[in-house]
């Protein structure tokens, strides 16, 4: 797979491809072009790289972050967030790594 390969456009929903997954980690490539999301409240941590495009993420408490090509972000577990806006030209290509934080010593 080429990470920059695009699906046929237009797309109504985000296109999610699971690149690797095991009991500890899940790596996804997501392509979005103008989509928004509902609120997420995830059990795992999420490390995000925006490889292409521009996007705005909204977080609980009226905080927003604008991401551009090459920006990275770590979203801790249970940090409520949503995708508020994604560019369509160019489309957004996300690389997202989801993982569980070790609970050793707990």
C-alpha atoms as a PDB file:
ATOM      1  CA  UNK A   1       0.000   0.000   0.000  1.00  0.00           C
ATOM      2  CA  UNK A   2       1.099   3.535  -0.703  1.00  0.00           C
ATOM      3  CA  UNK A   3       0.086   5.815   2.192  1.00  0.00           C
ATOM      4  CA  UNK A   4      -0.699   8.639  -0.279  1.00  0.00           C
ATOM      5  CA  UNK A   5      -2.870   6.547  -2.614  1.00  0.00           C
ATOM      6  CA  UNK A   6      -6.329   8.112  -2.793  1.00  0.00           C
ATOM      7  CA  UNK A   7      -9.739   6.466  -2.976  1.00  0.00           C
ATOM      8  CA  UNK A   8     -12.138   7.461  -5.746  1.00  0.00           C
ATOM      9  CA  UNK A   9     -13.733  10.838  -5.049  1.00  0.00           C
ATOM     10  CA  UNK A  10     -16.122  12.147  -3.964  1.00  0.00           C
ATOM     11  CA  UNK A  11     -16.348  10.219  -0.685  1.00  0.00           C
ATOM     12  CA  UNK A  12     -19.344  10.509   1.643  1.00  0.00           C
ATOM     13  CA  UNK A  13     -17.631   9.047   4.719  1.00  0.00           C
ATOM     14  CA  UNK A  14     -14.073   8.847   5.930  1.00  0.00           C
ATOM     15  CA  UNK A  15     -12.133   5.935   4.436  1.00  0.00           C
ATOM     16  CA  UNK A  16     -10.447   3.965   7.234  1.00  0.00           C
ATOM     17  CA  UNK A  17      -7.796   1.332   6.505  1.00  0.00           C
ATOM     18  CA  UNK A  18      -6.370  -0.719   9.366  1.00  0.00           C
ATOM     19  CA  UNK A  19      -2.685  -1.126   8.511  1.00  0.00           C
ATOM     20  CA  UNK A  20      -1.700  -3.227  11.531  1.00  0.00           C
ATOM     21  CA  UNK A  21      -3.460  -4.471  14.628  1.00  0.00           C
ATOM     22  CA  UNK A  22      -2.705  -6.699  17.588  1.00  0.00           C
ATOM     23  CA  UNK A  23      -3.698  -6.798  21.261  1.00  0.00           C
ATOM     24  CA  UNK A  24      -1.508  -3.752  22.054  1.00  0.00           C
ATOM     25  CA  UNK A  25      -1.734  -1.403  19.091  1.00  0.00           C
ATOM     26  CA  UNK A  26      -3.869  -0.478  16.080  1.00  0.00           C
ATOM     27  CA  UNK A  27      -2.487   1.631  13.225  1.00  0.00           C
ATOM     28  CA  UNK A  28      -4.958   3.253  10.851  1.00  0.00           C
ATOM     29  CA  UNK A  29      -4.755   5.374   7.751  1.00  0.00           C
ATOM     30  CA  UNK A  30      -7.797   7.634   7.442  1.00  0.00           C
ATOM     31  CA  UNK A  31      -8.707   9.726   4.405  1.00  0.00           C
ATOM     32  CA  UNK A  32     -11.241  12.502   4.905  1.00  0.00           C
ATOM     33  CA  UNK A  33     -12.442  15.247   2.592  1.00  0.00           C
ATOM     34  CA  UNK A  34     -14.805  17.677   4.280  1.00  0.00           C
ATOM     35  CA  UNK A  35     -16.158  15.232   6.874  1.00  0.00           C
ATOM     36  CA  UNK A  36     -16.843  15.933  10.529  1.00  0.00           C
ATOM     37  CA  UNK A  37     -17.247  13.403  13.329  1.00  0.00           C
ATOM     38  CA  UNK A  38     -19.317  12.828  16.412  1.00  0.00           C
ATOM     39  CA  UNK A  39     -17.655  13.040  19.826  1.00  0.00           C
ATOM     40  CA  UNK A  40     -15.090  10.359  20.681  1.00  0.00           C
ATOM     41  CA  UNK A  41     -14.358   9.120  24.218  1.00  0.00           C
ATOM     42  CA  UNK A  42     -11.726   6.437  23.647  1.00  0.00           C
ATOM     43  CA  UNK A  43     -10.287   3.864  26.019  1.00  0.00           C
ATOM     44  CA  UNK A  44      -6.859   4.044  24.366  1.00  0.00           C
ATOM     45  CA  UNK A  45      -4.290   6.749  23.681  1.00  0.00           C
ATOM     46  CA  UNK A  46      -4.149   8.043  20.110  1.00  0.00           C
ATOM     47  CA  UNK A  47      -1.058   9.451  18.422  1.00  0.00           C
ATOM     48  CA  UNK A  48      -2.078  11.357  15.286  1.00  0.00           C
ATOM     49  CA  UNK A  49       0.008  12.536  12.330  1.00  0.00           C
ATOM     50  CA  UNK A  50      -1.687  14.645   9.670  1.00  0.00           C
ATOM     51  CA  UNK A  51       0.256  13.692   6.548  1.00  0.00           C
ATOM     52  CA  UNK A  52      -1.736  15.865   4.144  1.00  0.00           C
ATOM     53  CA  UNK A  53      -4.413  18.550   4.318  1.00  0.00           C
ATOM     54  CA  UNK A  54      -5.736  20.820   7.055  1.00  0.00           C
ATOM     55  CA  UNK A  55      -8.081  19.937   9.907  1.00  0.00           C
ATOM     56  CA  UNK A  56      -9.570  21.317  13.060  1.00  0.00           C
ATOM     57  CA  UNK A  57     -10.172  19.191  16.154  1.00  0.00           C
ATOM     58  CA  UNK A  58     -12.531  20.289  18.919  1.00  0.00           C
ATOM     59  CA  UNK A  59     -12.028  19.194  22.510  1.00  0.00           C
ATOM     60  CA  UNK A  60     -14.352  19.206  25.483  1.00  0.00           C
ATOM     61  CA  UNK A  61     -14.267  22.623  27.148  1.00  0.00           C
ATOM     62  CA  UNK A  62     -14.392  24.630  23.885  1.00  0.00           C
ATOM     63  CA  UNK A  63     -10.708  24.095  23.042  1.00  0.00           C
ATOM     64  CA  UNK A  64      -9.823  23.715  19.367  1.00  0.00           C
ATOM     65  CA  UNK A  65      -6.617  22.767  17.606  1.00  0.00           C
ATOM     66  CA  UNK A  66      -5.868  23.458  13.962  1.00  0.00           C
ATOM     67  CA  UNK A  67      -3.591  20.915  12.330  1.00  0.00           C
ATOM     68  CA  UNK A  68      -1.695  21.271   9.074  1.00  0.00           C
ATOM     69  CA  UNK A  69       0.418  18.901   7.036  1.00  0.00           C
ATOM     70  CA  UNK A  70       3.116  17.334   9.225  1.00  0.00           C
ATOM     71  CA  UNK A  71       1.536  18.225  12.587  1.00  0.00           C
ATOM     72  CA  UNK A  72       1.343  15.597  15.321  1.00  0.00           C
ATOM     73  CA  UNK A  73      -0.856  15.291  18.372  1.00  0.00           C
ATOM     74  CA  UNK A  74      -1.197  12.916  21.313  1.00  0.00           C
ATOM     75  CA  UNK A  75      -4.752  12.436  22.577  1.00  0.00           C
ATOM     76  CA  UNK A  76      -4.849  10.742  26.003  1.00  0.00           C
ATOM     77  CA  UNK A  77      -7.524   8.194  26.941  1.00  0.00           C
ATOM     78  CA  UNK A  78     -10.982   9.647  27.635  1.00  0.00           C
ATOM     79  CA  UNK A  79     -10.075  13.090  26.248  1.00  0.00           C
ATOM     80  CA  UNK A  80     -13.392  13.865  24.565  1.00  0.00           C
ATOM     81  CA  UNK A  81     -12.793  15.203  21.066  1.00  0.00           C
ATOM     82  CA  UNK A  82     -14.229  15.367  17.580  1.00  0.00           C
ATOM     83  CA  UNK A  83     -13.131  16.267  14.082  1.00  0.00           C
ATOM     84  CA  UNK A  84     -14.737  19.670  13.500  1.00  0.00           C
ATOM     85  CA  UNK A  85     -13.471  20.317   9.980  1.00  0.00           C
ATOM     86  CA  UNK A  86     -11.292  18.689   7.313  1.00  0.00           C
ATOM     87  CA  UNK A  87     -10.046  20.115   4.035  1.00  0.00           C
ATOM     88  CA  UNK A  88     -11.359  18.631   0.799  1.00  0.00           C
ATOM     89  CA  UNK A  89      -8.644  20.090  -1.425  1.00  0.00           C
ATOM     90  CA  UNK A  90      -6.272  18.662  -0.547  1.00  0.00           C
ATOM     91  CA  UNK A  91      -7.994  15.806   1.273  1.00  0.00           C
ATOM     92  CA  UNK A  92      -6.720  14.896   4.730  1.00  0.00           C
ATOM     93  CA  UNK A  93      -4.564  11.825   5.148  1.00  0.00           C
ATOM     94  CA  UNK A  94      -4.216  10.821   8.785  1.00  0.00           C
ATOM     95  CA  UNK A  95      -1.917   8.204  10.293  1.00  0.00           C
ATOM     96  CA  UNK A  96      -3.315   7.248  13.702  1.00  0.00           C
ATOM     97  CA  UNK A  97      -1.724   4.933  16.246  1.00  0.00           C
ATOM     98  CA  UNK A  98      -4.051   3.702  18.998  1.00  0.00           C
ATOM     99  CA  UNK A  99      -2.503   1.986  22.023  1.00  0.00           C
ATOM    100  CA  UNK A 100      -3.283   1.043  25.601  1.00  0.00           C
ATOM    101  CA  UNK A 101      -1.295   2.704  28.357  1.00  0.00           C
ATOM    102  CA  UNK A 102       0.338   0.108  30.599  1.00  0.00           C
ATOM    103  CA  UNK A 103      -1.299  -0.223  34.018  1.00  0.00           C
ATOM    104  CA  UNK A 104       1.730  -1.819  35.702  1.00  0.00           C
ATOM    105  CA  UNK A 105       1.858  -1.133  39.364  1.00  0.00           C
ATOM    106  CA  UNK A 106      -1.855  -0.354  39.514  1.00  0.00           C
END
